[in-house]
Amino acid sequence: MPDPLAPKTMVKFREVFRLADPSRQVMEMHETRDGKEAKTMEIV
């Protein structure tokens, strides 16, 4: 996706949508910067 911190560059990301139980889903987003992946968001 376009990198909001560095215009005109792209950043790799990974999103995981998980069914935690019948009443709950979890979405996690991880971005890779400088070769290191870090979790940047979680929505329940």
All heavy atoms as atom14 arrays in JSON, in Angstrom:
{
  "sequence": "MPDPLAPKTMVKFREVFRLADPSRQVMEMHETRDGKEAKTMEIV",
  "atom14_mask": [
    [1, 1, 1, 1, 1, 1, 1, 1, 0, 0, 0, 0, 0, 0],
    [1, 1, 1, 1, 1, 1, 1, 0, 0, 0, 0, 0, 0, 0],
    [1, 1, 1, 1, 1, 1, 1, 1, 0, 0, 0, 0, 0, 0],
    [1, 1, 1, 1, 1, 1, 1, 0, 0, 0, 0, 0, 0, 0],
    [1, 1, 1, 1, 1, 1, 1, 1, 0, 0, 0, 0, 0, 0],
    [1, 1, 1, 1, 1, 0, 0, 0, 0, 0, 0, 0, 0, 0],
    [1, 1, 1, 1, 1, 1, 1, 0, 0, 0, 0, 0, 0, 0],
    [1, 1, 1, 1, 1, 1, 1, 1, 1, 0, 0, 0, 0, 0],
    [1, 1, 1, 1, 1, 1, 1, 0, 0, 0, 0, 0, 0, 0],
    [1, 1, 1, 1, 1, 1, 1, 1, 0, 0, 0, 0, 0, 0],
    [1, 1, 1, 1, 1, 1, 1, 0, 0, 0, 0, 0, 0, 0],
    [1, 1, 1, 1, 1, 1, 1, 1, 1, 0, 0, 0, 0, 0],
    [1, 1, 1, 1, 1, 1, 1, 1, 1, 1, 1, 0, 0, 0],
    [1, 1, 1, 1, 1, 1, 1, 1, 1, 1, 1, 0, 0, 0],
    [1, 1, 1, 1, 1, 1, 1, 1, 1, 0, 0, 0, 0, 0],
    [1, 1, 1, 1, 1, 1, 1, 0, 0, 0, 0, 0, 0, 0],
    [1, 1, 1, 1, 1, 1, 1, 1, 1, 1, 1, 0, 0, 0],
    [1, 1, 1, 1, 1, 1, 1, 1, 1, 1, 1, 0, 0, 0],
    [1, 1, 1, 1, 1, 1, 1, 1, 0, 0, 0, 0, 0, 0],
    [1, 1, 1, 1, 1, 0, 0, 0, 0, 0, 0, 0, 0, 0],
    [1, 1, 1, 1, 1, 1, 1, 1, 0, 0, 0, 0, 0, 0],
    [1, 1, 1, 1, 1, 1, 1, 0, 0, 0, 0, 0, 0, 0],
    [1, 1, 1, 1, 1, 1, 0, 0, 0, 0, 0, 0, 0, 0],
    [1, 1, 1, 1, 1, 1, 1, 1, 1, 1, 1, 0, 0, 0],
    [1, 1, 1, 1, 1, 1, 1, 1, 1, 0, 0, 0, 0, 0],
    [1, 1, 1, 1, 1, 1, 1, 0, 0, 0, 0, 0, 0, 0],
    [1, 1, 1, 1, 1, 1, 1, 1, 0, 0, 0, 0, 0, 0],
    [1, 1, 1, 1, 1, 1, 1, 1, 1, 0, 0, 0, 0, 0],
    [1, 1, 1, 1, 1, 1, 1, 1, 0, 0, 0, 0, 0, 0],
    [1, 1, 1, 1, 1, 1, 1, 1, 1, 1, 0, 0, 0, 0],
    [1, 1, 1, 1, 1, 1, 1, 1, 1, 0, 0, 0, 0, 0],
    [1, 1, 1, 1, 1, 1, 1, 0, 0, 0, 0, 0, 0, 0],
    [1, 1, 1, 1, 1, 1, 1, 1, 1, 1, 1, 0, 0, 0],
    [1, 1, 1, 1, 1, 1, 1, 1, 0, 0, 0, 0, 0, 0],
    [1, 1, 1, 1, 0, 0, 0, 0, 0, 0, 0, 0, 0, 0],
    [1, 1, 1, 1, 1, 1, 1, 1, 1, 0, 0, 0, 0, 0],
    [1, 1, 1, 1, 1, 1, 1, 1, 1, 0, 0, 0, 0, 0],
    [1, 1, 1, 1, 1, 0, 0, 0, 0, 0, 0, 0, 0, 0],
    [1, 1, 1, 1, 1, 1, 1, 1, 1, 0, 0, 0, 0, 0],
    [1, 1, 1, 1, 1, 1, 1, 0, 0, 0, 0, 0, 0, 0],
    [1, 1, 1, 1, 1, 1, 1, 1, 0, 0, 0, 0, 0, 0],
    [1, 1, 1, 1, 1, 1, 1, 1, 1, 0, 0, 0, 0, 0],
    [1, 1, 1, 1, 1, 1, 1, 1, 0, 0, 0, 0, 0, 0],
    [1, 1, 1, 1, 1, 1, 1, 0, 0, 0, 0, 0, 0, 0]
  ],
  "atom14_positions": [
    [[0.85, -1.19, 0.0], [0.0, 0.0, 0.0], [0.88, 1.24, 0.0], [2.06, 1.16, 0.39], [-0.91, 0.01, 1.22], [-0.19, 0.15, 2.53], [-1.36, 0.15, 3.9], [-0.24, 0.38, 5.27], [0.0, 0.0, 0.0], [0.0, 0.0, 0.0], [0.0, 0.0, 0.0], [0.0, 0.0, 0.0], [0.0, 0.0, 0.0], [0.0, 0.0, 0.0]],
    [[0.33, 2.38, -0.42], [1.11, 3.61, -0.33], [1.47, 3.9, 1.13], [0.65, 3.73, 2.02], [0.15, 4.67, -0.88], [-0.81, 3.91, -1.72], [-0.95, 2.58, -1.07], [0.0, 0.0, 0.0], [0.0, 0.0, 0.0], [0.0, 0.0, 0.0], [0.0, 0.0, 0.0], [0.0, 0.0, 0.0], [0.0, 0.0, 0.0], [0.0, 0.0, 0.0]],
    [[2.7, 4.3, 1.35], [3.2, 4.55, 2.7], [2.8, 5.96, 3.13], [3.28, 6.94, 2.56], [4.71, 4.4, 2.73], [5.29, 4.47, 4.13], [4.57, 4.91, 5.05], [6.44, 4.09, 4.3], [0.0, 0.0, 0.0], [0.0, 0.0, 0.0], [0.0, 0.0, 0.0], [0.0, 0.0, 0.0], [0.0, 0.0, 0.0], [0.0, 0.0, 0.0]],
    [[1.92, 6.11, 4.14], [1.52, 7.45, 4.57], [2.65, 8.24, 5.21], [2.58, 9.45, 5.31], [0.38, 7.19, 5.56], [0.6, 5.79, 6.03], [1.26, 5.07, 4.91], [0.0, 0.0, 0.0], [0.0, 0.0, 0.0], [0.0, 0.0, 0.0], [0.0, 0.0, 0.0], [0.0, 0.0, 0.0], [0.0, 0.0, 0.0], [0.0, 0.0, 0.0]],
    [[3.71, 7.55, 5.66], [4.84, 8.24, 6.3], [5.92, 8.65, 5.3], [6.79, 9.44, 5.64], [5.46, 7.33, 7.37], [4.51, 6.86, 8.47], [5.22, 5.91, 9.41], [3.95, 8.05, 9.22], [0.0, 0.0, 0.0], [0.0, 0.0, 0.0], [0.0, 0.0, 0.0], [0.0, 0.0, 0.0], [0.0, 0.0, 0.0], [0.0, 0.0, 0.0]],
    [[5.89, 8.08, 4.1], [6.9, 8.38, 3.08], [6.22, 8.45, 1.72], [6.1, 7.43, 1.04], [8.0, 7.33, 3.1], [0.0, 0.0, 0.0], [0.0, 0.0, 0.0], [0.0, 0.0, 0.0], [0.0, 0.0, 0.0], [0.0, 0.0, 0.0], [0.0, 0.0, 0.0], [0.0, 0.0, 0.0], [0.0, 0.0, 0.0], [0.0, 0.0, 0.0]],
    [[5.74, 9.63, 1.33], [5.02, 9.75, 0.06], [5.8, 9.18, -1.13], [7.02, 9.23, -1.16], [4.85, 11.27, -0.08], [4.91, 11.78, 1.32], [5.87, 10.88, 2.04], [0.0, 0.0, 0.0], [0.0, 0.0, 0.0], [0.0, 0.0, 0.0], [0.0, 0.0, 0.0], [0.0, 0.0, 0.0], [0.0, 0.0, 0.0], [0.0, 0.0, 0.0]],
    [[5.04, 8.62, -2.06], [5.55, 8.02, -3.29], [6.35, 6.73, -3.07], [7.1, 6.3, -3.92], [6.39, 9.02, -4.08], [5.58, 10.23, -4.51], [6.38, 11.16, -5.37], [5.52, 12.36, -5.72], [6.21, 13.31, -6.56], [0.0, 0.0, 0.0], [0.0, 0.0, 0.0], [0.0, 0.0, 0.0], [0.0, 0.0, 0.0], [0.0, 0.0, 0.0]],
    [[6.2, 6.12, -1.9], [6.8, 4.81, -1.66], [5.71, 3.84, -1.24], [4.61, 4.24, -0.85], [7.9, 4.85, -0.56], [7.3, 5.26, 0.67], [9.01, 5.81, -0.92], [0.0, 0.0, 0.0], [0.0, 0.0, 0.0], [0.0, 0.0, 0.0], [0.0, 0.0, 0.0], [0.0, 0.0, 0.0], [0.0, 0.0, 0.0], [0.0, 0.0, 0.0]],
    [[6.02, 2.56, -1.3], [5.07, 1.52, -0.93], [5.59, 0.78, 0.29], [6.8, 0.69, 0.51], [4.89, 0.54, -2.09], [4.37, 1.17, -3.37], [2.7, 1.8, -3.22], [1.77, 0.28, -3.43], [0.0, 0.0, 0.0], [0.0, 0.0, 0.0], [0.0, 0.0, 0.0], [0.0, 0.0, 0.0], [0.0, 0.0, 0.0], [0.0, 0.0, 0.0]],
    [[4.67, 0.26, 1.08], [5.03, -0.53, 2.26], [4.3, -1.87, 2.17], [3.13, -1.92, 1.78], [4.7, 0.21, 3.57], [3.23, 0.46, 3.73], [5.23, -0.53, 4.78], [0.0, 0.0, 0.0], [0.0, 0.0, 0.0], [0.0, 0.0, 0.0], [0.0, 0.0, 0.0], [0.0, 0.0, 0.0], [0.0, 0.0, 0.0], [0.0, 0.0, 0.0]],
    [[5.01, -2.96, 2.49], [4.39, -4.29, 2.49], [3.61, -4.46, 3.79], [4.0, -3.95, 4.84], [5.46, -5.36, 2.37], [6.12, -5.37, 1.03], [7.12, -6.5, 0.91], [7.74, -6.45, -0.47], [8.63, -7.56, -0.72], [0.0, 0.0, 0.0], [0.0, 0.0, 0.0], [0.0, 0.0, 0.0], [0.0, 0.0, 0.0], [0.0, 0.0, 0.0]],
    [[2.5, -5.19, 3.69], [1.7, -5.45, 4.88], [1.07, -6.83, 4.81], [1.01, -7.47, 3.76], [0.63, -4.37, 5.08], [-0.47, -4.43, 4.06], [-1.64, -5.12, 4.33], [-0.35, -3.79, 2.85], [-2.66, -5.18, 3.39], [-1.36, -3.84, 1.9], [-2.52, -4.54, 2.18], [0.0, 0.0, 0.0], [0.0, 0.0, 0.0], [0.0, 0.0, 0.0]],
    [[0.62, -7.28, 5.97], [-0.07, -8.57, 6.11], [-1.25, -8.33, 7.03], [-1.12, -7.71, 8.08], [0.89, -9.58, 6.72], [0.3, -10.96, 6.97], [1.38, -11.93, 7.4], [1.99, -11.56, 8.66], [1.6, -12.0, 9.86], [0.59, -12.84, 9.97], [2.22, -11.61, 10.96], [0.0, 0.0, 0.0], [0.0, 0.0, 0.0], [0.0, 0.0, 0.0]],
    [[-2.43, -8.81, 6.61], [-3.63, -8.72, 7.45], [-4.12, -10.13, 7.75], [-4.11, -10.99, 6.87], [-4.75, -7.98, 6.73], [-4.52, -6.52, 6.56], [-5.69, -5.84, 5.87], [-6.44, -6.48, 5.12], [-5.82, -4.63, 6.07], [0.0, 0.0, 0.0], [0.0, 0.0, 0.0], [0.0, 0.0, 0.0], [0.0, 0.0, 0.0], [0.0, 0.0, 0.0]],
    [[-4.52, -10.35, 8.99], [-5.05, -11.65, 9.4], [-6.43, -11.43, 9.99], [-6.6, -10.65, 10.93], [-4.13, -12.34, 10.44], [-4.72, -13.67, 10.86], [-2.72, -12.5, 9.91], [0.0, 0.0, 0.0], [0.0, 0.0, 0.0], [0.0, 0.0, 0.0], [0.0, 0.0, 0.0], [0.0, 0.0, 0.0], [0.0, 0.0, 0.0], [0.0, 0.0, 0.0]],
    [[-7.43, -12.09, 9.4], [-8.79, -12.08, 9.93], [-9.03, -13.46, 10.54], [-8.93, -14.47, 9.84], [-9.81, -11.83, 8.81], [-9.8, -10.42, 8.3], [-8.9, -10.03, 7.34], [-10.71, -9.5, 8.81], [-8.89, -8.73, 6.87], [-10.71, -8.2, 8.34], [-9.79, -7.81, 7.37], [0.0, 0.0, 0.0], [0.0, 0.0, 0.0], [0.0, 0.0, 0.0]],
    [[-9.34, -13.49, 11.83], [-9.48, -14.76, 12.53], [-10.84, -14.82, 13.23], [-11.27, -13.85, 13.87], [-8.36, -14.86, 13.56], [-8.34, -16.09, 14.41], [-7.07, -16.17, 15.26], [-6.68, -14.91, 15.86], [-7.08, -14.47, 17.05], [-7.93, -15.19, 17.76], [-6.66, -13.32, 17.53], [0.0, 0.0, 0.0], [0.0, 0.0, 0.0], [0.0, 0.0, 0.0]],
    [[-11.5, -15.96, 13.12], [-12.75, -16.2, 13.83], [-12.38, -16.73, 15.21], [-12.04, -17.9, 15.37], [-13.63, -17.2, 13.07], [-14.97, -17.52, 13.67], [-15.83, -16.25, 13.78], [-15.67, -18.57, 12.85], [0.0, 0.0, 0.0], [0.0, 0.0, 0.0], [0.0, 0.0, 0.0], [0.0, 0.0, 0.0], [0.0, 0.0, 0.0], [0.0, 0.0, 0.0]],
    [[-12.41, -15.85, 16.22], [-11.99, -16.23, 17.56], [-12.99, -17.18, 18.22], [-12.62, -18.14, 18.89], [-11.8, -14.98, 18.43], [0.0, 0.0, 0.0], [0.0, 0.0, 0.0], [0.0, 0.0, 0.0], [0.0, 0.0, 0.0], [0.0, 0.0, 0.0], [0.0, 0.0, 0.0], [0.0, 0.0, 0.0], [0.0, 0.0, 0.0], [0.0, 0.0, 0.0]],
    [[-14.27, -16.88, 18.05], [-15.36, -17.73, 18.54], [-16.61, -17.31, 17.76], [-16.55, -16.39, 16.96], [-15.52, -17.62, 20.06], [-15.79, -16.22, 20.55], [-16.72, -15.56, 20.02], [-15.09, -15.76, 21.47], [0.0, 0.0, 0.0], [0.0, 0.0, 0.0], [0.0, 0.0, 0.0], [0.0, 0.0, 0.0], [0.0, 0.0, 0.0], [0.0, 0.0, 0.0]],
    [[-17.75, -17.96, 17.98], [-18.94, -17.64, 17.17], [-19.42, -16.19, 17.27], [-20.13, -15.71, 16.41], [-20.01, -18.6, 17.71], [-19.24, -19.77, 18.22], [-17.97, -19.16, 18.8], [0.0, 0.0, 0.0], [0.0, 0.0, 0.0], [0.0, 0.0, 0.0], [0.0, 0.0, 0.0], [0.0, 0.0, 0.0], [0.0, 0.0, 0.0], [0.0, 0.0, 0.0]],
    [[-18.99, -15.47, 18.29], [-19.44, -14.09, 18.48], [-18.34, -13.05, 18.29], [-18.57, -11.86, 18.5], [-20.05, -13.91, 19.87], [-21.19, -14.71, 20.0], [0.0, 0.0, 0.0], [0.0, 0.0, 0.0], [0.0, 0.0, 0.0], [0.0, 0.0, 0.0], [0.0, 0.0, 0.0], [0.0, 0.0, 0.0], [0.0, 0.0, 0.0], [0.0, 0.0, 0.0]],
    [[-17.14, -13.49, 17.92], [-16.03, -12.54, 17.88], [-15.07, -12.83, 16.73], [-14.67, -13.97, 16.52], [-15.26, -12.62, 19.2], [-14.61, -11.39, 19.65], [-14.17, -11.47, 21.12], [-13.6, -12.75, 21.46], [-12.3, -12.97, 21.6], [-11.44, -12.01, 21.45], [-11.86, -14.16, 21.92], [0.0, 0.0, 0.0], [0.0, 0.0, 0.0], [0.0, 0.0, 0.0]],
    [[-14.7, -11.77, 16.0], [-13.67, -11.85, 14.97], [-12.55, -10.89, 15.34], [-12.8, -9.85, 15.96], [-14.2, -11.41, 13.62], [-15.2, -12.34, 13.0], [-15.61, -11.83, 11.62], [-14.84, -11.22, 10.92], [-16.85, -12.08, 11.27], [0.0, 0.0, 0.0], [0.0, 0.0, 0.0], [0.0, 0.0, 0.0], [0.0, 0.0, 0.0], [0.0, 0.0, 0.0]],
    [[-11.34, -11.22, 14.94], [-10.19, -10.36, 15.21], [-9.48, -10.09, 13.89], [-9.23, -11.01, 13.11], [-9.21, -11.03, 16.21], [-7.99, -10.15, 16.44], [-9.91, -11.35, 17.51], [0.0, 0.0, 0.0], [0.0, 0.0, 0.0], [0.0, 0.0, 0.0], [0.0, 0.0, 0.0], [0.0, 0.0, 0.0], [0.0, 0.0, 0.0], [0.0, 0.0, 0.0]],
    [[-9.15, -8.82, 13.66], [-8.37, -8.43, 12.49], [-7.08, -7.8, 12.98], [-7.11, -6.9, 13.82], [-9.13, -7.42, 11.62], [-8.38, -7.06, 10.34], [-7.08, -5.87, 10.53], [-7.8, -4.44, 9.85], [0.0, 0.0, 0.0], [0.0, 0.0, 0.0], [0.0, 0.0, 0.0], [0.0, 0.0, 0.0], [0.0, 0.0, 0.0], [0.0, 0.0, 0.0]],
    [[-5.96, -8.32, 12.5], [-4.65, -7.76, 12.84], [-3.98, -7.29, 11.56], [-4.08, -7.95, 10.52], [-3.75, -8.8, 13.48], [-4.25, -9.34, 14.79], [-3.36, -10.45, 15.33], [-2.48, -10.94, 14.59], [-3.55, -10.82, 16.49], [0.0, 0.0, 0.0], [0.0, 0.0, 0.0], [0.0, 0.0, 0.0], [0.0, 0.0, 0.0], [0.0, 0.0, 0.0]],
    [[-3.28, -6.17, 11.64], [-2.52, -5.67, 10.5], [-1.07, -5.53, 10.92], [-0.77, -5.01, 11.99], [-3.05, -4.33, 10.01], [-2.36, -3.84, 8.78], [-3.25, -2.42, 8.13], [-2.24, -2.06, 6.72], [0.0, 0.0, 0.0], [0.0, 0.0, 0.0], [0.0, 0.0, 0.0], [0.0, 0.0, 0.0], [0.0, 0.0, 0.0], [0.0, 0.0, 0.0]],
    [[-0.17, -6.02, 10.07], [1.26, -5.97, 10.32], [1.93, -5.29, 9.13], [1.61, -5.61, 7.98], [1.84, -7.38, 10.46], [1.15, -8.21, 11.49], [1.66, -8.38, 12.75], [-0.02, -8.89, 11.46], [0.85, -9.16, 13.45], [-0.18, -9.47, 12.69], [0.0, 0.0, 0.0], [0.0, 0.0, 0.0], [0.0, 0.0, 0.0], [0.0, 0.0, 0.0]],
    [[2.83, -4.35, 9.39], [3.57, -3.68, 8.33], [5.04, -4.07, 8.41], [5.56, -4.3, 9.49], [3.46, -2.16, 8.46], [2.06, -1.65, 8.24], [1.96, -0.14, 8.39], [3.01, 0.55, 8.44], [0.83, 0.36, 8.46], [0.0, 0.0, 0.0], [0.0, 0.0, 0.0], [0.0, 0.0, 0.0], [0.0, 0.0, 0.0], [0.0, 0.0, 0.0]],
    [[5.68, -4.13, 7.25], [7.11, -4.44, 7.19], [7.86, -3.18, 6.78], [7.64, -2.65, 5.7], [7.4, -5.57, 6.2], [6.68, -6.73, 6.62], [8.88, -5.9, 6.16], [0.0, 0.0, 0.0], [0.0, 0.0, 0.0], [0.0, 0.0, 0.0], [0.0, 0.0, 0.0], [0.0, 0.0, 0.0], [0.0, 0.0, 0.0], [0.0, 0.0, 0.0]],
    [[8.72, -2.72, 7.67], [9.56, -1.55, 7.42], [11.0, -1.9, 7.78], [11.25, -2.48, 8.83], [9.1, -0.35, 8.25], [7.7, 0.12, 7.89], [7.26, 1.26, 8.79], [5.89, 1.63, 8.49], [5.53, 2.47, 7.54], [6.45, 3.04, 6.79], [4.26, 2.75, 7.33], [0.0, 0.0, 0.0], [0.0, 0.0, 0.0], [0.0, 0.0, 0.0]],
    [[11.91, -1.54, 6.91], [13.33, -1.84, 7.11], [13.56, -3.32, 7.38], [14.39, -3.7, 8.21], [13.92, -0.99, 8.25], [13.83, 0.49, 7.97], [14.0, 0.88, 6.8], [13.58, 1.26, 8.93], [0.0, 0.0, 0.0], [0.0, 0.0, 0.0], [0.0, 0.0, 0.0], [0.0, 0.0, 0.0], [0.0, 0.0, 0.0], [0.0, 0.0, 0.0]],
    [[12.76, -4.18, 6.73], [12.91, -5.62, 6.87], [12.34, -6.22, 8.14], [12.45, -7.42, 8.37], [0.0, 0.0, 0.0], [0.0, 0.0, 0.0], [0.0, 0.0, 0.0], [0.0, 0.0, 0.0], [0.0, 0.0, 0.0], [0.0, 0.0, 0.0], [0.0, 0.0, 0.0], [0.0, 0.0, 0.0], [0.0, 0.0, 0.0], [0.0, 0.0, 0.0]],
    [[11.7, -5.4, 8.98], [11.14, -5.89, 10.24], [9.63, -5.72, 10.25], [9.12, -4.64, 9.96], [11.75, -5.13, 11.42], [13.22, -5.35, 11.57], [13.78, -4.57, 12.73], [15.29, -4.75, 12.78], [15.88, -3.93, 13.82], [0.0, 0.0, 0.0], [0.0, 0.0, 0.0], [0.0, 0.0, 0.0], [0.0, 0.0, 0.0], [0.0, 0.0, 0.0]],
    [[8.93, -6.8, 10.58], [7.47, -6.75, 10.63], [7.03, -6.36, 12.04], [7.57, -6.84, 13.03], [6.89, -8.11, 10.27], [5.38, -8.08, 10.21], [4.77, -9.42, 9.87], [4.66, -10.26, 10.78], [4.41, -9.61, 8.7], [0.0, 0.0, 0.0], [0.0, 0.0, 0.0], [0.0, 0.0, 0.0], [0.0, 0.0, 0.0], [0.0, 0.0, 0.0]],
    [[6.02, -5.48, 12.11], [5.47, -5.05, 13.4], [3.95, -4.95, 13.28], [3.42, -4.52, 12.24], [6.05, -3.71, 13.81], [0.0, 0.0, 0.0], [0.0, 0.0, 0.0], [0.0, 0.0, 0.0], [0.0, 0.0, 0.0], [0.0, 0.0, 0.0], [0.0, 0.0, 0.0], [0.0, 0.0, 0.0], [0.0, 0.0, 0.0], [0.0, 0.0, 0.0]],
    [[3.26, -5.33, 14.34], [1.79, -5.2, 14.37], [1.46, -3.71, 14.52], [1.97, -3.04, 15.42], [1.2, -5.97, 15.54], [-0.32, -5.96, 15.54], [-0.89, -6.37, 16.83], [-1.3, -7.71, 17.07], [-1.99, -8.04, 18.27], [0.0, 0.0, 0.0], [0.0, 0.0, 0.0], [0.0, 0.0, 0.0], [0.0, 0.0, 0.0], [0.0, 0.0, 0.0]],
    [[0.61, -3.21, 13.62], [0.26, -1.8, 13.64], [-1.2, -1.55, 14.0], [-1.57, -0.42, 14.27], [0.56, -1.14, 12.28], [-0.13, -1.85, 11.26], [2.05, -1.14, 12.0], [0.0, 0.0, 0.0], [0.0, 0.0, 0.0], [0.0, 0.0, 0.0], [0.0, 0.0, 0.0], [0.0, 0.0, 0.0], [0.0, 0.0, 0.0], [0.0, 0.0, 0.0]],
    [[-2.0, -2.6, 14.0], [-3.42, -2.41, 14.31], [-4.06, -3.73, 14.69], [-3.66, -4.78, 14.2], [-4.14, -1.84, 13.08], [-5.61, -1.65, 13.27], [-6.5, -0.83, 11.92], [-5.71, -1.34, 10.44], [0.0, 0.0, 0.0], [0.0, 0.0, 0.0], [0.0, 0.0, 0.0], [0.0, 0.0, 0.0], [0.0, 0.0, 0.0], [0.0, 0.0, 0.0]],
    [[-5.04, -3.65, 15.59], [-5.88, -4.8, 15.91], [-7.28, -4.29, 16.14], [-7.48, -3.31, 16.87], [-5.38, -5.52, 17.17], [-6.27, -6.7, 17.54], [-5.74, -7.48, 18.71], [-4.75, -8.2, 18.55], [-6.33, -7.34, 19.81], [0.0, 0.0, 0.0], [0.0, 0.0, 0.0], [0.0, 0.0, 0.0], [0.0, 0.0, 0.0], [0.0, 0.0, 0.0]],
    [[-8.25, -4.93, 15.5], [-9.66, -4.6, 15.69], [-10.38, -5.87, 16.1], [-10.21, -6.92, 15.47], [-10.29, -4.06, 14.39], [-9.56, -2.8, 13.93], [-11.79, -3.78, 14.6], [-10.01, -2.31, 12.58], [0.0, 0.0, 0.0], [0.0, 0.0, 0.0], [0.0, 0.0, 0.0], [0.0, 0.0, 0.0], [0.0, 0.0, 0.0], [0.0, 0.0, 0.0]],
    [[-11.18, -5.78, 17.16], [-11.97, -6.93, 17.62], [-13.43, -6.6, 17.33], [-13.97, -5.59, 17.81], [-11.76, -7.19, 19.13], [-12.64, -8.34, 19.58], [-10.28, -7.47, 19.41], [0.0, 0.0, 0.0], [0.0, 0.0, 0.0], [0.0, 0.0, 0.0], [0.0, 0.0, 0.0], [0.0, 0.0, 0.0], [0.0, 0.0, 0.0], [0.0, 0.0, 0.0]]
  ]
}
